[in-house]
mmCIF file of all heavy atoms, coordinates in Angstrom:
data_MODEL
# 
_entry.id   MODEL 
# 
loop_
_atom_site.group_PDB 
_atom_site.id 
_atom_site.type_symbol 
_atom_site.label_atom_id 
_atom_site.label_alt_id 
_atom_site.label_comp_id 
_atom_site.label_asym_id 
_atom_site.label_entity_id 
_atom_site.label_seq_id 
_atom_site.pdbx_PDB_ins_code 
_atom_site.Cartn_x 
_atom_site.Cartn_y 
_atom_site.Cartn_z 
_atom_site.occupancy 
_atom_site.B_iso_or_equiv 
_atom_site.pdbx_formal_charge 
_atom_site.auth_seq_id 
_atom_site.auth_comp_id 
_atom_site.auth_asym_id 
_atom_site.auth_atom_id 
_atom_site.pdbx_PDB_model_num 
ATOM 1   N N   . PHE A 1 1  ? 138.483 -39.126 347.832 1.00 0.00 ? 1  PHE A N   1 
ATOM 2   C CA  . PHE A 1 1  ? 137.037 -39.390 348.044 1.00 0.00 ? 1  PHE A CA  1 
ATOM 3   C C   . PHE A 1 1  ? 136.860 -40.728 348.831 1.00 0.00 ? 1  PHE A C   1 
ATOM 4   O O   . PHE A 1 1  ? 136.156 -40.867 349.781 1.00 0.00 ? 1  PHE A O   1 
ATOM 5   C CB  . PHE A 1 1  ? 136.385 -39.473 346.722 1.00 0.00 ? 1  PHE A CB  1 
ATOM 6   C CG  . PHE A 1 1  ? 134.976 -38.984 346.702 1.00 0.00 ? 1  PHE A CG  1 
ATOM 7   C CD1 . PHE A 1 1  ? 134.636 -37.627 346.865 1.00 0.00 ? 1  PHE A CD1 1 
ATOM 8   C CD2 . PHE A 1 1  ? 133.966 -39.921 346.603 1.00 0.00 ? 1  PHE A CD2 1 
ATOM 9   C CE1 . PHE A 1 1  ? 133.357 -37.212 346.973 1.00 0.00 ? 1  PHE A CE1 1 
ATOM 10  C CE2 . PHE A 1 1  ? 132.604 -39.442 346.584 1.00 0.00 ? 1  PHE A CE2 1 
ATOM 11  C CZ  . PHE A 1 1  ? 132.338 -38.126 346.842 1.00 0.00 ? 1  PHE A CZ  1 
ATOM 12  N N   . LYS A 1 2  ? 137.535 -41.752 348.409 1.00 0.00 ? 2  LYS A N   1 
ATOM 13  C CA  . LYS A 1 2  ? 137.278 -43.073 348.955 1.00 0.00 ? 2  LYS A CA  1 
ATOM 14  C C   . LYS A 1 2  ? 137.734 -43.159 350.436 1.00 0.00 ? 2  LYS A C   1 
ATOM 15  O O   . LYS A 1 2  ? 137.052 -43.690 351.267 1.00 0.00 ? 2  LYS A O   1 
ATOM 16  C CB  . LYS A 1 2  ? 138.078 -44.124 348.171 1.00 0.00 ? 2  LYS A CB  1 
ATOM 17  C CG  . LYS A 1 2  ? 137.914 -45.532 348.668 1.00 0.00 ? 2  LYS A CG  1 
ATOM 18  C CD  . LYS A 1 2  ? 138.651 -46.537 347.828 1.00 0.00 ? 2  LYS A CD  1 
ATOM 19  C CE  . LYS A 1 2  ? 138.468 -47.983 348.297 1.00 0.00 ? 2  LYS A CE  1 
ATOM 20  N NZ  . LYS A 1 2  ? 139.175 -49.002 347.471 1.00 0.00 ? 2  LYS A NZ  1 
ATOM 21  N N   . ASN A 1 3  ? 138.919 -42.551 350.759 1.00 0.00 ? 3  ASN A N   1 
ATOM 22  C CA  . ASN A 1 3  ? 139.449 -42.568 352.115 1.00 0.00 ? 3  ASN A CA  1 
ATOM 23  C C   . ASN A 1 3  ? 138.466 -41.667 353.000 1.00 0.00 ? 3  ASN A C   1 
ATOM 24  O O   . ASN A 1 3  ? 138.283 -42.054 354.148 1.00 0.00 ? 3  ASN A O   1 
ATOM 25  C CB  . ASN A 1 3  ? 140.852 -41.973 352.183 1.00 0.00 ? 3  ASN A CB  1 
ATOM 26  C CG  . ASN A 1 3  ? 141.800 -43.036 351.524 1.00 0.00 ? 3  ASN A CG  1 
ATOM 27  O OD1 . ASN A 1 3  ? 141.683 -44.137 351.480 1.00 0.00 ? 3  ASN A OD1 1 
ATOM 28  N ND2 . ASN A 1 3  ? 142.994 -42.376 351.244 1.00 0.00 ? 3  ASN A ND2 1 
ATOM 29  N N   . LEU A 1 4  ? 137.945 -40.654 352.466 1.00 0.00 ? 4  LEU A N   1 
ATOM 30  C CA  . LEU A 1 4  ? 137.062 -39.804 353.189 1.00 0.00 ? 4  LEU A CA  1 
ATOM 31  C C   . LEU A 1 4  ? 135.804 -40.489 353.572 1.00 0.00 ? 4  LEU A C   1 
ATOM 32  O O   . LEU A 1 4  ? 135.373 -40.462 354.744 1.00 0.00 ? 4  LEU A O   1 
ATOM 33  C CB  . LEU A 1 4  ? 136.811 -38.542 352.455 1.00 0.00 ? 4  LEU A CB  1 
ATOM 34  C CG  . LEU A 1 4  ? 135.645 -37.708 353.026 1.00 0.00 ? 4  LEU A CG  1 
ATOM 35  C CD1 . LEU A 1 4  ? 136.114 -37.048 354.353 1.00 0.00 ? 4  LEU A CD1 1 
ATOM 36  C CD2 . LEU A 1 4  ? 135.194 -36.526 352.076 1.00 0.00 ? 4  LEU A CD2 1 
ATOM 37  N N   . LEU A 1 5  ? 135.186 -41.172 352.647 1.00 0.00 ? 5  LEU A N   1 
ATOM 38  C CA  . LEU A 1 5  ? 133.979 -41.950 352.907 1.00 0.00 ? 5  LEU A CA  1 
ATOM 39  C C   . LEU A 1 5  ? 134.167 -43.031 353.995 1.00 0.00 ? 5  LEU A C   1 
ATOM 40  O O   . LEU A 1 5  ? 133.331 -43.236 354.843 1.00 0.00 ? 5  LEU A O   1 
ATOM 41  C CB  . LEU A 1 5  ? 133.414 -42.606 351.721 1.00 0.00 ? 5  LEU A CB  1 
ATOM 42  C CG  . LEU A 1 5  ? 132.920 -41.580 350.622 1.00 0.00 ? 5  LEU A CG  1 
ATOM 43  C CD1 . LEU A 1 5  ? 132.377 -42.334 349.431 1.00 0.00 ? 5  LEU A CD1 1 
ATOM 44  C CD2 . LEU A 1 5  ? 131.970 -40.560 351.145 1.00 0.00 ? 5  LEU A CD2 1 
ATOM 45  N N   . GLU A 1 6  ? 135.340 -43.760 353.897 1.00 0.00 ? 6  GLU A N   1 
ATOM 46  C CA  . GLU A 1 6  ? 135.639 -44.736 354.791 1.00 0.00 ? 6  GLU A CA  1 
ATOM 47  C C   . GLU A 1 6  ? 135.848 -44.099 356.261 1.00 0.00 ? 6  GLU A C   1 
ATOM 48  O O   . GLU A 1 6  ? 135.337 -44.632 357.259 1.00 0.00 ? 6  GLU A O   1 
ATOM 49  C CB  . GLU A 1 6  ? 136.913 -45.494 354.496 1.00 0.00 ? 6  GLU A CB  1 
ATOM 50  C CG  . GLU A 1 6  ? 136.715 -46.401 353.233 1.00 0.00 ? 6  GLU A CG  1 
ATOM 51  C CD  . GLU A 1 6  ? 138.022 -47.075 352.898 1.00 0.00 ? 6  GLU A CD  1 
ATOM 52  O OE1 . GLU A 1 6  ? 139.029 -46.755 353.518 1.00 0.00 ? 6  GLU A OE1 1 
ATOM 53  O OE2 . GLU A 1 6  ? 138.025 -48.020 352.065 1.00 0.00 ? 6  GLU A OE2 1 
ATOM 54  N N   . SER A 1 7  ? 136.458 -42.969 356.266 1.00 0.00 ? 7  SER A N   1 
ATOM 55  C CA  . SER A 1 7  ? 136.658 -42.196 357.617 1.00 0.00 ? 7  SER A CA  1 
ATOM 56  C C   . SER A 1 7  ? 135.253 -41.817 358.199 1.00 0.00 ? 7  SER A C   1 
ATOM 57  O O   . SER A 1 7  ? 135.127 -41.985 359.380 1.00 0.00 ? 7  SER A O   1 
ATOM 58  C CB  . SER A 1 7  ? 137.462 -40.945 357.419 1.00 0.00 ? 7  SER A CB  1 
ATOM 59  O OG  . SER A 1 7  ? 137.595 -40.321 358.518 1.00 0.00 ? 7  SER A OG  1 
ATOM 60  N N   . ILE A 1 8  ? 134.371 -41.306 357.335 1.00 0.00 ? 8  ILE A N   1 
ATOM 61  C CA  . ILE A 1 8  ? 133.029 -41.001 357.886 1.00 0.00 ? 8  ILE A CA  1 
ATOM 62  C C   . ILE A 1 8  ? 132.333 -42.164 358.399 1.00 0.00 ? 8  ILE A C   1 
ATOM 63  O O   . ILE A 1 8  ? 131.766 -42.030 359.502 1.00 0.00 ? 8  ILE A O   1 
ATOM 64  C CB  . ILE A 1 8  ? 132.316 -40.250 356.724 1.00 0.00 ? 8  ILE A CB  1 
ATOM 65  C CG1 . ILE A 1 8  ? 132.899 -38.996 356.296 1.00 0.00 ? 8  ILE A CG1 1 
ATOM 66  C CG2 . ILE A 1 8  ? 130.833 -40.088 357.104 1.00 0.00 ? 8  ILE A CG2 1 
ATOM 67  C CD1 . ILE A 1 8  ? 132.238 -38.377 355.043 1.00 0.00 ? 8  ILE A CD1 1 
ATOM 68  N N   . VAL A 1 9  ? 132.395 -43.306 357.681 1.00 0.00 ? 9  VAL A N   1 
ATOM 69  C CA  . VAL A 1 9  ? 131.612 -44.536 358.116 1.00 0.00 ? 9  VAL A CA  1 
ATOM 70  C C   . VAL A 1 9  ? 132.281 -44.976 359.490 1.00 0.00 ? 9  VAL A C   1 
ATOM 71  O O   . VAL A 1 9  ? 131.493 -45.115 360.417 1.00 0.00 ? 9  VAL A O   1 
ATOM 72  C CB  . VAL A 1 9  ? 131.882 -45.607 357.096 1.00 0.00 ? 9  VAL A CB  1 
ATOM 73  C CG1 . VAL A 1 9  ? 131.493 -46.912 357.716 1.00 0.00 ? 9  VAL A CG1 1 
ATOM 74  C CG2 . VAL A 1 9  ? 130.916 -45.324 355.914 1.00 0.00 ? 9  VAL A CG2 1 
ATOM 75  N N   . TYR A 1 10 ? 133.500 -45.059 359.640 1.00 0.00 ? 10 TYR A N   1 
ATOM 76  C CA  . TYR A 1 10 ? 134.109 -45.546 360.911 1.00 0.00 ? 10 TYR A CA  1 
ATOM 77  C C   . TYR A 1 10 ? 133.866 -44.601 362.054 1.00 0.00 ? 10 TYR A C   1 
ATOM 78  O O   . TYR A 1 10 ? 133.565 -45.132 363.260 1.00 0.00 ? 10 TYR A O   1 
ATOM 79  C CB  . TYR A 1 10 ? 135.526 -45.867 360.702 1.00 0.00 ? 10 TYR A CB  1 
ATOM 80  C CG  . TYR A 1 10 ? 135.837 -47.064 359.827 1.00 0.00 ? 10 TYR A CG  1 
ATOM 81  C CD1 . TYR A 1 10 ? 136.788 -46.958 358.716 1.00 0.00 ? 10 TYR A CD1 1 
ATOM 82  C CD2 . TYR A 1 10 ? 135.213 -48.239 359.926 1.00 0.00 ? 10 TYR A CD2 1 
ATOM 83  C CE1 . TYR A 1 10 ? 136.980 -47.957 357.857 1.00 0.00 ? 10 TYR A CE1 1 
ATOM 84  C CE2 . TYR A 1 10 ? 135.433 -49.290 359.112 1.00 0.00 ? 10 TYR A CE2 1 
ATOM 85  C CZ  . TYR A 1 10 ? 136.318 -49.173 358.077 1.00 0.00 ? 10 TYR A CZ  1 
ATOM 86  O OH  . TYR A 1 10 ? 136.607 -50.170 357.229 1.00 0.00 ? 10 TYR A OH  1 
ATOM 87  N N   . ILE A 1 11 ? 133.932 -43.339 361.882 1.00 0.00 ? 11 ILE A N   1 
ATOM 88  C CA  . ILE A 1 11 ? 133.771 -42.353 362.904 1.00 0.00 ? 11 ILE A CA  1 
ATOM 89  C C   . ILE A 1 11 ? 132.271 -42.442 363.381 1.00 0.00 ? 11 ILE A C   1 
ATOM 90  O O   . ILE A 1 11 ? 132.040 -42.408 364.635 1.00 0.00 ? 11 ILE A O   1 
ATOM 91  C CB  . ILE A 1 11 ? 134.083 -40.950 362.444 1.00 0.00 ? 11 ILE A CB  1 
ATOM 92  C CG1 . ILE A 1 11 ? 135.636 -40.838 362.390 1.00 0.00 ? 11 ILE A CG1 1 
ATOM 93  C CG2 . ILE A 1 11 ? 133.495 -39.904 363.313 1.00 0.00 ? 11 ILE A CG2 1 
ATOM 94  C CD1 . ILE A 1 11 ? 136.101 -39.468 361.790 1.00 0.00 ? 11 ILE A CD1 1 
ATOM 95  N N   . CYS A 1 12 ? 131.335 -42.463 362.478 1.00 0.00 ? 12 CYS A N   1 
ATOM 96  C CA  . CYS A 1 12 ? 129.882 -42.628 362.832 1.00 0.00 ? 12 CYS A CA  1 
ATOM 97  C C   . CYS A 1 12 ? 129.639 -43.892 363.539 1.00 0.00 ? 12 CYS A C   1 
ATOM 98  O O   . CYS A 1 12 ? 128.769 -43.927 364.457 1.00 0.00 ? 12 CYS A O   1 
ATOM 99  C CB  . CYS A 1 12 ? 129.078 -42.410 361.568 1.00 0.00 ? 12 CYS A CB  1 
ATOM 100 S SG  . CYS A 1 12 ? 129.090 -40.761 360.871 1.00 0.00 ? 12 CYS A SG  1 
ATOM 101 N N   . MET A 1 13 ? 130.235 -45.004 363.162 1.00 0.00 ? 13 MET A N   1 
ATOM 102 C CA  . MET A 1 13 ? 130.072 -46.197 363.836 1.00 0.00 ? 13 MET A CA  1 
ATOM 103 C C   . MET A 1 13 ? 130.483 -46.160 365.279 1.00 0.00 ? 13 MET A C   1 
ATOM 104 O O   . MET A 1 13 ? 129.828 -46.565 366.186 1.00 0.00 ? 13 MET A O   1 
ATOM 105 C CB  . MET A 1 13 ? 130.749 -47.308 363.118 1.00 0.00 ? 13 MET A CB  1 
ATOM 106 C CG  . MET A 1 13 ? 130.080 -47.770 361.755 1.00 0.00 ? 13 MET A CG  1 
ATOM 107 S SD  . MET A 1 13 ? 131.264 -48.955 360.901 1.00 0.00 ? 13 MET A SD  1 
ATOM 108 C CE  . MET A 1 13 ? 131.272 -50.367 362.027 1.00 0.00 ? 13 MET A CE  1 
ATOM 109 N N   . ALA A 1 14 ? 131.688 -45.489 365.472 1.00 0.00 ? 14 ALA A N   1 
ATOM 110 C CA  . ALA A 1 14 ? 132.219 -45.394 366.842 1.00 0.00 ? 14 ALA A CA  1 
ATOM 111 C C   . ALA A 1 14 ? 131.354 -44.451 367.688 1.00 0.00 ? 14 ALA A C   1 
ATOM 112 O O   . ALA A 1 14 ? 131.048 -44.691 368.870 1.00 0.00 ? 14 ALA A O   1 
ATOM 113 C CB  . ALA A 1 14 ? 133.626 -44.972 366.745 1.00 0.00 ? 14 ALA A CB  1 
ATOM 114 N N   . GLN A 1 15 ? 131.043 -43.356 367.149 1.00 0.00 ? 15 GLN A N   1 
ATOM 115 C CA  . GLN A 1 15 ? 130.179 -42.290 367.885 1.00 0.00 ? 15 GLN A CA  1 
ATOM 116 C C   . GLN A 1 15 ? 128.832 -42.707 368.222 1.00 0.00 ? 15 GLN A C   1 
ATOM 117 O O   . GLN A 1 15 ? 128.276 -42.479 369.298 1.00 0.00 ? 15 GLN A O   1 
ATOM 118 C CB  . GLN A 1 15 ? 130.164 -41.068 367.099 1.00 0.00 ? 15 GLN A CB  1 
ATOM 119 C CG  . GLN A 1 15 ? 131.541 -40.355 366.897 1.00 0.00 ? 15 GLN A CG  1 
ATOM 120 C CD  . GLN A 1 15 ? 132.093 -39.810 368.211 1.00 0.00 ? 15 GLN A CD  1 
ATOM 121 O OE1 . GLN A 1 15 ? 131.333 -39.297 369.067 1.00 0.00 ? 15 GLN A OE1 1 
ATOM 122 N NE2 . GLN A 1 15 ? 133.391 -40.090 368.465 1.00 0.00 ? 15 GLN A NE2 1 
ATOM 123 N N   . MET A 1 16 ? 128.185 -43.530 367.361 1.00 0.00 ? 16 MET A N   1 
ATOM 124 C CA  . MET A 1 16 ? 126.792 -43.822 367.505 1.00 0.00 ? 16 MET A CA  1 
ATOM 125 C C   . MET A 1 16 ? 126.585 -45.296 367.976 1.00 0.00 ? 16 MET A C   1 
ATOM 126 O O   . MET A 1 16 ? 125.475 -45.791 368.135 1.00 0.00 ? 16 MET A O   1 
ATOM 127 C CB  . MET A 1 16 ? 126.006 -43.703 366.301 1.00 0.00 ? 16 MET A CB  1 
ATOM 128 C CG  . MET A 1 16 ? 125.855 -42.227 365.859 1.00 0.00 ? 16 MET A CG  1 
ATOM 129 S SD  . MET A 1 16 ? 124.787 -41.269 367.141 1.00 0.00 ? 16 MET A SD  1 
ATOM 130 C CE  . MET A 1 16 ? 126.159 -40.243 367.837 1.00 0.00 ? 16 MET A CE  1 
ATOM 131 N N   . HIS A 1 17 ? 127.772 -46.051 368.267 1.00 0.00 ? 17 HIS A N   1 
ATOM 132 C CA  . HIS A 1 17 ? 127.737 -47.433 368.742 1.00 0.00 ? 17 HIS A CA  1 
ATOM 133 C C   . HIS A 1 17 ? 126.898 -48.328 367.816 1.00 0.00 ? 17 HIS A C   1 
ATOM 134 O O   . HIS A 1 17 ? 125.881 -49.061 368.312 1.00 0.00 ? 17 HIS A O   1 
ATOM 135 C CB  . HIS A 1 17 ? 127.094 -47.474 370.169 1.00 0.00 ? 17 HIS A CB  1 
ATOM 136 C CG  . HIS A 1 17 ? 127.796 -46.426 371.073 1.00 0.00 ? 17 HIS A CG  1 
ATOM 137 N ND1 . HIS A 1 17 ? 129.087 -46.576 371.440 1.00 0.00 ? 17 HIS A ND1 1 
ATOM 138 C CD2 . HIS A 1 17 ? 127.333 -45.336 371.689 1.00 0.00 ? 17 HIS A CD2 1 
ATOM 139 C CE1 . HIS A 1 17 ? 129.432 -45.564 372.262 1.00 0.00 ? 17 HIS A CE1 1 
ATOM 140 N NE2 . HIS A 1 17 ? 128.309 -44.757 372.416 1.00 0.00 ? 17 HIS A NE2 1 
ATOM 141 N N   . VAL A 1 18 ? 127.131 -48.288 366.488 1.00 0.00 ? 18 VAL A N   1 
ATOM 142 C CA  . VAL A 1 18 ? 126.494 -49.166 365.599 1.00 0.00 ? 18 VAL A CA  1 
ATOM 143 C C   . VAL A 1 18 ? 127.561 -50.185 365.004 1.00 0.00 ? 18 VAL A C   1 
ATOM 144 O O   . VAL A 1 18 ? 128.772 -49.791 364.937 1.00 0.00 ? 18 VAL A O   1 
ATOM 145 C CB  . VAL A 1 18 ? 125.852 -48.381 364.456 1.00 0.00 ? 18 VAL A CB  1 
ATOM 146 C CG1 . VAL A 1 18 ? 124.652 -47.630 365.060 1.00 0.00 ? 18 VAL A CG1 1 
ATOM 147 C CG2 . VAL A 1 18 ? 126.762 -47.500 363.643 1.00 0.00 ? 18 VAL A CG2 1 
ATOM 148 N N   . LEU A 1 19 ? 127.065 -51.265 364.482 1.00 0.00 ? 19 LEU A N   1 
ATOM 149 C CA  . LEU A 1 19 ? 127.951 -52.248 363.940 1.00 0.00 ? 19 LEU A CA  1 
ATOM 150 C C   . LEU A 1 19 ? 128.263 -52.104 362.430 1.00 0.00 ? 19 LEU A C   1 
ATOM 151 O O   . LEU A 1 19 ? 129.095 -52.827 361.932 1.00 0.00 ? 19 LEU A O   1 
ATOM 152 C CB  . LEU A 1 19 ? 127.388 -53.700 364.246 1.00 0.00 ? 19 LEU A CB  1 
ATOM 153 C CG  . LEU A 1 19 ? 127.081 -54.105 365.666 1.00 0.00 ? 19 LEU A CG  1 
ATOM 154 C CD1 . LEU A 1 19 ? 126.449 -55.480 365.782 1.00 0.00 ? 19 LEU A CD1 1 
ATOM 155 C CD2 . LEU A 1 19 ? 128.441 -54.132 366.414 1.00 0.00 ? 19 LEU A CD2 1 
ATOM 156 N N   . GLY A 1 20 ? 127.448 -51.144 361.853 1.00 0.00 ? 20 GLY A N   1 
ATOM 157 C CA  . GLY A 1 20 ? 127.695 -50.952 360.434 1.00 0.00 ? 20 GLY A CA  1 
ATOM 158 C C   . GLY A 1 20 ? 127.091 -49.637 360.034 1.00 0.00 ? 20 GLY A C   1 
ATOM 159 O O   . GLY A 1 20 ? 126.232 -49.175 360.592 1.00 0.00 ? 20 GLY A O   1 
ATOM 160 N N   . ALA A 1 21 ? 127.740 -49.106 358.926 1.00 0.00 ? 21 ALA A N   1 
ATOM 161 C CA  . ALA A 1 21 ? 127.172 -47.832 358.362 1.00 0.00 ? 21 ALA A CA  1 
ATOM 162 C C   . ALA A 1 21 ? 127.494 -47.746 356.844 1.00 0.00 ? 21 ALA A C   1 
ATOM 163 O O   . ALA A 1 21 ? 128.535 -48.394 356.413 1.00 0.00 ? 21 ALA A O   1 
ATOM 164 C CB  . ALA A 1 21 ? 127.746 -46.646 359.036 1.00 0.00 ? 21 ALA A CB  1 
ATOM 165 N N   . GLU A 1 22 ? 126.622 -47.077 356.013 1.00 0.00 ? 22 GLU A N   1 
ATOM 166 C CA  . GLU A 1 22 ? 126.914 -47.037 354.641 1.00 0.00 ? 22 GLU A CA  1 
ATOM 167 C C   . GLU A 1 22 ? 126.551 -45.520 354.252 1.00 0.00 ? 22 GLU A C   1 
ATOM 168 O O   . GLU A 1 22 ? 125.843 -44.919 354.968 1.00 0.00 ? 22 GLU A O   1 
ATOM 169 C CB  . GLU A 1 22 ? 125.927 -47.930 353.901 1.00 0.00 ? 22 GLU A CB  1 
ATOM 170 C CG  . GLU A 1 22 ? 126.034 -49.491 354.332 1.00 0.00 ? 22 GLU A CG  1 
ATOM 171 C CD  . GLU A 1 22 ? 127.474 -50.083 353.924 1.00 0.00 ? 22 GLU A CD  1 
ATOM 172 O OE1 . GLU A 1 22 ? 128.220 -49.443 353.327 1.00 0.00 ? 22 GLU A OE1 1 
ATOM 173 O OE2 . GLU A 1 22 ? 127.642 -51.288 354.350 1.00 0.00 ? 22 GLU A OE2 1 
ATOM 174 N N   . ILE A 1 23 ? 127.062 -45.115 353.045 1.00 0.00 ? 23 ILE A N   1 
ATOM 175 C CA  . ILE A 1 23 ? 126.826 -43.795 352.637 1.00 0.00 ? 23 ILE A CA  1 
ATOM 176 C C   . ILE A 1 23 ? 126.493 -43.790 351.118 1.00 0.00 ? 23 ILE A C   1 
ATOM 177 O O   . ILE A 1 23 ? 127.201 -44.429 350.369 1.00 0.00 ? 23 ILE A O   1 
ATOM 178 C CB  . ILE A 1 23 ? 128.067 -42.911 352.790 1.00 0.00 ? 23 ILE A CB  1 
ATOM 179 C CG1 . ILE A 1 23 ? 128.353 -42.625 354.297 1.00 0.00 ? 23 ILE A CG1 1 
ATOM 180 C CG2 . ILE A 1 23 ? 127.935 -41.513 352.133 1.00 0.00 ? 23 ILE A CG2 1 
ATOM 181 C CD1 . ILE A 1 23 ? 129.574 -41.674 354.442 1.00 0.00 ? 23 ILE A CD1 1 
ATOM 182 N N   . PHE A 1 24 ? 125.391 -43.111 350.798 1.00 0.00 ? 24 PHE A N   1 
ATOM 183 C CA  . PHE A 1 24 ? 125.103 -42.728 349.452 1.00 0.00 ? 24 PHE A CA  1 
ATOM 184 C C   . PHE A 1 24 ? 125.717 -41.351 349.165 1.00 0.00 ? 24 PHE A C   1 
ATOM 185 O O   . PHE A 1 24 ? 125.370 -40.429 349.970 1.00 0.00 ? 24 PHE A O   1 
ATOM 186 C CB  . PHE A 1 24 ? 123.581 -42.716 349.147 1.00 0.00 ? 24 PHE A CB  1 
ATOM 187 C CG  . PHE A 1 24 ? 122.978 -44.027 349.143 1.00 0.00 ? 24 PHE A CG  1 
ATOM 188 C CD1 . PHE A 1 24 ? 122.499 -44.632 350.289 1.00 0.00 ? 24 PHE A CD1 1 
ATOM 189 C CD2 . PHE A 1 24 ? 122.685 -44.632 347.967 1.00 0.00 ? 24 PHE A CD2 1 
ATOM 190 C CE1 . PHE A 1 24 ? 121.865 -45.793 350.303 1.00 0.00 ? 24 PHE A CE1 1 
ATOM 191 C CE2 . PHE A 1 24 ? 122.069 -45.856 347.846 1.00 0.00 ? 24 PHE A CE2 1 
ATOM 192 C CZ  . PHE A 1 24 ? 121.610 -46.487 349.046 1.00 0.00 ? 24 PHE A CZ  1 
ATOM 193 N N   . VAL A 1 25 ? 126.393 -41.109 348.035 1.00 0.00 ? 25 VAL A N   1 
ATOM 194 C CA  . VAL A 1 25 ? 126.857 -39.811 347.713 1.00 0.00 ? 25 VAL A CA  1 
ATOM 195 C C   . VAL A 1 25 ? 126.533 -39.501 346.275 1.00 0.00 ? 25 VAL A C   1 
ATOM 196 O O   . VAL A 1 25 ? 126.438 -40.463 345.443 1.00 0.00 ? 25 VAL A O   1 
ATOM 197 C CB  . VAL A 1 25 ? 128.364 -39.618 347.942 1.00 0.00 ? 25 VAL A CB  1 
ATOM 198 C CG1 . VAL A 1 25 ? 128.773 -39.636 349.414 1.00 0.00 ? 25 VAL A CG1 1 
ATOM 199 C CG2 . VAL A 1 25 ? 129.161 -40.749 347.196 1.00 0.00 ? 25 VAL A CG2 1 
ATOM 200 N N   . LYS A 1 26 ? 126.261 -38.197 345.984 1.00 0.00 ? 26 LYS A N   1 
ATOM 201 C CA  . LYS A 1 26 ? 125.968 -37.916 344.614 1.00 0.00 ? 26 LYS A CA  1 
ATOM 202 C C   . LYS A 1 26 ? 127.079 -38.088 343.693 1.00 0.00 ? 26 LYS A C   1 
ATOM 203 O O   . LYS A 1 26 ? 128.239 -37.689 343.891 1.00 0.00 ? 26 LYS A O   1 
ATOM 204 C CB  . LYS A 1 26 ? 125.531 -36.412 344.625 1.00 0.00 ? 26 LYS A CB  1 
ATOM 205 C CG  . LYS A 1 26 ? 124.862 -35.932 343.241 1.00 0.00 ? 26 LYS A CG  1 
ATOM 206 C CD  . LYS A 1 26 ? 124.500 -34.499 343.331 1.00 0.00 ? 26 LYS A CD  1 
ATOM 207 C CE  . LYS A 1 26 ? 123.349 -34.272 344.299 1.00 0.00 ? 26 LYS A CE  1 
ATOM 208 N NZ  . LYS A 1 26 ? 122.935 -32.805 344.345 1.00 0.00 ? 26 LYS A NZ  1 
ATOM 209 N N   . ASP A 1 27 ? 126.854 -38.724 342.526 1.00 0.00 ? 27 ASP A N   1 
ATOM 210 C CA  . ASP A 1 27 ? 127.759 -38.939 341.427 1.00 0.00 ? 27 ASP A CA  1 
ATOM 211 C C   . ASP A 1 27 ? 128.254 -37.624 341.023 1.00 0.00 ? 27 ASP A C   1 
ATOM 212 O O   . ASP A 1 27 ? 127.579 -36.685 340.525 1.00 0.00 ? 27 ASP A O   1 
ATOM 213 C CB  . ASP A 1 27 ? 127.073 -39.691 340.297 1.00 0.00 ? 27 ASP A CB  1 
ATOM 214 C CG  . ASP A 1 27 ? 128.047 -39.901 339.086 1.00 0.00 ? 27 ASP A CG  1 
ATOM 215 O OD1 . ASP A 1 27 ? 129.169 -39.823 339.353 1.00 0.00 ? 27 ASP A OD1 1 
ATOM 216 O OD2 . ASP A 1 27 ? 127.537 -40.229 338.108 1.00 0.00 ? 27 ASP A OD2 1 
ATOM 217 N N   . VAL A 1 28 ? 129.589 -37.455 341.136 1.00 0.00 ? 28 VAL A N   1 
ATOM 218 C CA  . VAL A 1 28 ? 130.203 -36.115 340.995 1.00 0.00 ? 28 VAL A CA  1 
ATOM 219 C C   . VAL A 1 28 ? 130.256 -35.762 339.428 1.00 0.00 ? 28 VAL A C   1 
ATOM 220 O O   . VAL A 1 28 ? 130.400 -34.562 339.086 1.00 0.00 ? 28 VAL A O   1 
ATOM 221 C CB  . VAL A 1 28 ? 131.648 -35.989 341.594 1.00 0.00 ? 28 VAL A CB  1 
ATOM 222 C CG1 . VAL A 1 28 ? 131.572 -36.197 343.045 1.00 0.00 ? 28 VAL A CG1 1 
ATOM 223 C CG2 . VAL A 1 28 ? 132.588 -37.020 340.980 1.00 0.00 ? 28 VAL A CG2 1 
# 
């Protein structure tokens, strides 16, 4: 879970040219 969220954040930052990104996910 942790590695996946980090991967999503970094990929979105690179694709959308932003300096930061965060994710809210539902408590499993």
